[in-house]
Amino acid sequence: MQRKDLAYRRENRCCNRCGETIISINEAHTTFVREPKDGGGYNFENIIILCADCNKILNIENQRNALHSLVLNDKLMAFID
C-alpha cells in the first residue's frame, strides 16, 4: 500500500482543507504538511489529501502567502510537532 492510499484512508476520503468527500483516490491530490527541505519527512503522517480545488489554491504562484493565510497550516503543524 502506498503512502497516498494510507493518507486517503486516514482522512476517510475527505479533503484535509475543506472537508469535501473525494470519491476516488484517483481524484485525490497529496501534499506535504512540512516540506522535506524544511525538515518534514516522507512519512505518511506528513502527507495530507486535498481535493482538486484546494490543491489549486495551495499551488498558486505565490504559494508561501497562500499557506500562511490558511488556518489549516497551523493546525497541521501542531499535529506533526
C-alpha atoms as a PDB file:
ATOM      1  CA  MET A   1       0.000   0.000   0.000  1.00  0.00           C
ATOM      2  CA  GLN A   2       1.352   3.439  -0.906  1.00  0.00           C
ATOM      3  CA  ARG A   3       1.525   6.465   1.383  1.00  0.00           C
ATOM      4  CA  LYS A   4      -1.194   8.171  -0.662  1.00  0.00           C
ATOM      5  CA  ASP A   5      -3.521   5.214  -0.021  1.00  0.00           C
ATOM      6  CA  LEU A   6      -2.792   5.296   3.708  1.00  0.00           C
ATOM      7  CA  ALA A   7      -3.385   9.046   3.948  1.00  0.00           C
ATOM      8  CA  TYR A   8      -6.596   8.742   1.870  1.00  0.00           C
ATOM      9  CA  ARG A   9      -7.958   6.104   4.232  1.00  0.00           C
ATOM     10  CA  ARG A  10      -6.779   8.008   7.327  1.00  0.00           C
ATOM     11  CA  GLU A  11      -8.733  11.075   6.193  1.00  0.00           C
ATOM     12  CA  ASN A  12     -11.862   8.998   5.460  1.00  0.00           C
ATOM     13  CA  ARG A  13     -11.796  10.067   1.797  1.00  0.00           C
ATOM     14  CA  CYS A  14     -12.132  13.749   2.726  1.00  0.00           C
ATOM     15  CA  CYS A  15     -10.110  16.779   1.721  1.00  0.00           C
ATOM     16  CA  ASN A  16      -7.986  17.846   4.650  1.00  0.00           C
ATOM     17  CA  ARG A  17      -8.579  21.537   3.911  1.00  0.00           C
ATOM     18  CA  CYS A  18     -12.286  21.894   3.057  1.00  0.00           C
ATOM     19  CA  GLY A  19     -13.730  18.533   4.150  1.00  0.00           C
ATOM     20  CA  GLU A  20     -15.201  17.692   0.734  1.00  0.00           C
ATOM     21  CA  THR A  21     -15.598  13.978   0.072  1.00  0.00           C
ATOM     22  CA  ILE A  22     -13.195  12.721  -2.560  1.00  0.00           C
ATOM     23  CA  ILE A  23     -14.974   9.884  -4.336  1.00  0.00           C
ATOM     24  CA  SER A  24     -11.930   8.190  -5.869  1.00  0.00           C
ATOM     25  CA  ILE A  25      -8.289   8.045  -4.859  1.00  0.00           C
ATOM     26  CA  ASN A  26      -7.523   8.996  -8.461  1.00  0.00           C
ATOM     27  CA  GLU A  27      -9.145  12.391  -7.771  1.00  0.00           C
ATOM     28  CA  ALA A  28      -7.123  12.903  -4.581  1.00  0.00           C
ATOM     29  CA  HIS A  29      -4.049  15.121  -4.537  1.00  0.00           C
ATOM     30  CA  THR A  30      -1.297  14.899  -1.954  1.00  0.00           C
ATOM     31  CA  THR A  31       0.998  17.470  -0.445  1.00  0.00           C
ATOM     32  CA  PHE A  32       3.365  17.657   2.473  1.00  0.00           C
ATOM     33  CA  VAL A  33       2.406  19.425   5.686  1.00  0.00           C
ATOM     34  CA  ARG A  34       6.041  20.391   6.103  1.00  0.00           C
ATOM     35  CA  GLU A  35       8.249  20.262   3.032  1.00  0.00           C
ATOM     36  CA  PRO A  36      11.188  17.836   3.318  1.00  0.00           C
ATOM     37  CA  LYS A  37      13.590  20.725   2.669  1.00  0.00           C
ATOM     38  CA  ASP A  38      12.126  22.383   5.789  1.00  0.00           C
ATOM     39  CA  GLY A  39      12.586  19.326   7.975  1.00  0.00           C
ATOM     40  CA  GLY A  40       9.452  17.354   7.109  1.00  0.00           C
ATOM     41  CA  GLY A  41       9.671  13.667   6.412  1.00  0.00           C
ATOM     42  CA  TYR A  42       8.394  11.458   3.626  1.00  0.00           C
ATOM     43  CA  ASN A  43       6.289   9.514   6.123  1.00  0.00           C
ATOM     44  CA  PHE A  44       2.545   9.319   5.588  1.00  0.00           C
ATOM     45  CA  GLU A  45       1.880  11.376   8.756  1.00  0.00           C
ATOM     46  CA  ASN A  46       3.394  14.353   6.917  1.00  0.00           C
ATOM     47  CA  ILE A  47       1.154  13.863   3.862  1.00  0.00           C
ATOM     48  CA  ILE A  48      -2.333  15.308   3.531  1.00  0.00           C
ATOM     49  CA  ILE A  49      -5.062  14.651   0.993  1.00  0.00           C
ATOM     50  CA  LEU A  50      -6.624  17.529  -0.951  1.00  0.00           C
ATOM     51  CA  CYS A  51      -9.458  17.877  -3.434  1.00  0.00           C
ATOM     52  CA  ALA A  52      -8.659  19.371  -6.847  1.00  0.00           C
ATOM     53  CA  ASP A  53      -9.825  22.886  -5.871  1.00  0.00           C
ATOM     54  CA  CYS A  54      -7.769  23.032  -2.669  1.00  0.00           C
ATOM     55  CA  ASN A  55      -4.760  21.629  -4.494  1.00  0.00           C
ATOM     56  CA  LYS A  56      -5.020  24.506  -6.982  1.00  0.00           C
ATOM     57  CA  ILE A  57      -5.160  27.031  -4.137  1.00  0.00           C
ATOM     58  CA  LEU A  58      -2.066  25.596  -2.487  1.00  0.00           C
ATOM     59  CA  ASN A  59      -0.145  25.508  -5.750  1.00  0.00           C
ATOM     60  CA  ILE A  60      -0.720  29.070  -6.884  1.00  0.00           C
ATOM     61  CA  GLU A  61       2.301  31.077  -7.948  1.00  0.00           C
ATOM     62  CA  ASN A  62       2.716  32.797  -4.576  1.00  0.00           C
ATOM     63  CA  GLN A  63       2.428  29.620  -2.548  1.00  0.00           C
ATOM     64  CA  ARG A  64       4.101  30.928   0.599  1.00  0.00           C
ATOM     65  CA  ASN A  65       1.448  33.637   1.084  1.00  0.00           C
ATOM     66  CA  ALA A  66      -1.336  31.150   0.362  1.00  0.00           C
ATOM     67  CA  LEU A  67      -0.082  28.741   3.020  1.00  0.00           C
ATOM     68  CA  HIS A  68       0.263  31.425   5.649  1.00  0.00           C
ATOM     69  CA  SER A  69      -3.333  32.504   5.084  1.00  0.00           C
ATOM     70  CA  LEU A  70      -4.712  29.049   5.821  1.00  0.00           C
ATOM     71  CA  VAL A  71      -5.783  28.149   9.320  1.00  0.00           C
ATOM     72  CA  LEU A  72      -5.219  24.573   8.218  1.00  0.00           C
ATOM     73  CA  ASN A  73      -1.489  25.054   8.096  1.00  0.00           C
ATOM     74  CA  ASP A  74      -1.295  25.968  11.784  1.00  0.00           C
ATOM     75  CA  LYS A  75      -3.479  23.045  12.801  1.00  0.00           C
ATOM     76  CA  LEU A  76      -1.445  20.589  10.744  1.00  0.00           C
ATOM     77  CA  MET A  77       1.855  21.869  12.035  1.00  0.00           C
ATOM     78  CA  ALA A  78       0.600  21.381  15.601  1.00  0.00           C
ATOM     79  CA  PHE A  79      -0.442  17.844  14.613  1.00  0.00           C
ATOM     80  CA  ILE A  80       3.027  16.764  13.458  1.00  0.00           C
ATOM     81  CA  ASP A  81       5.134  18.676  16.006  1.00  0.00           C
END
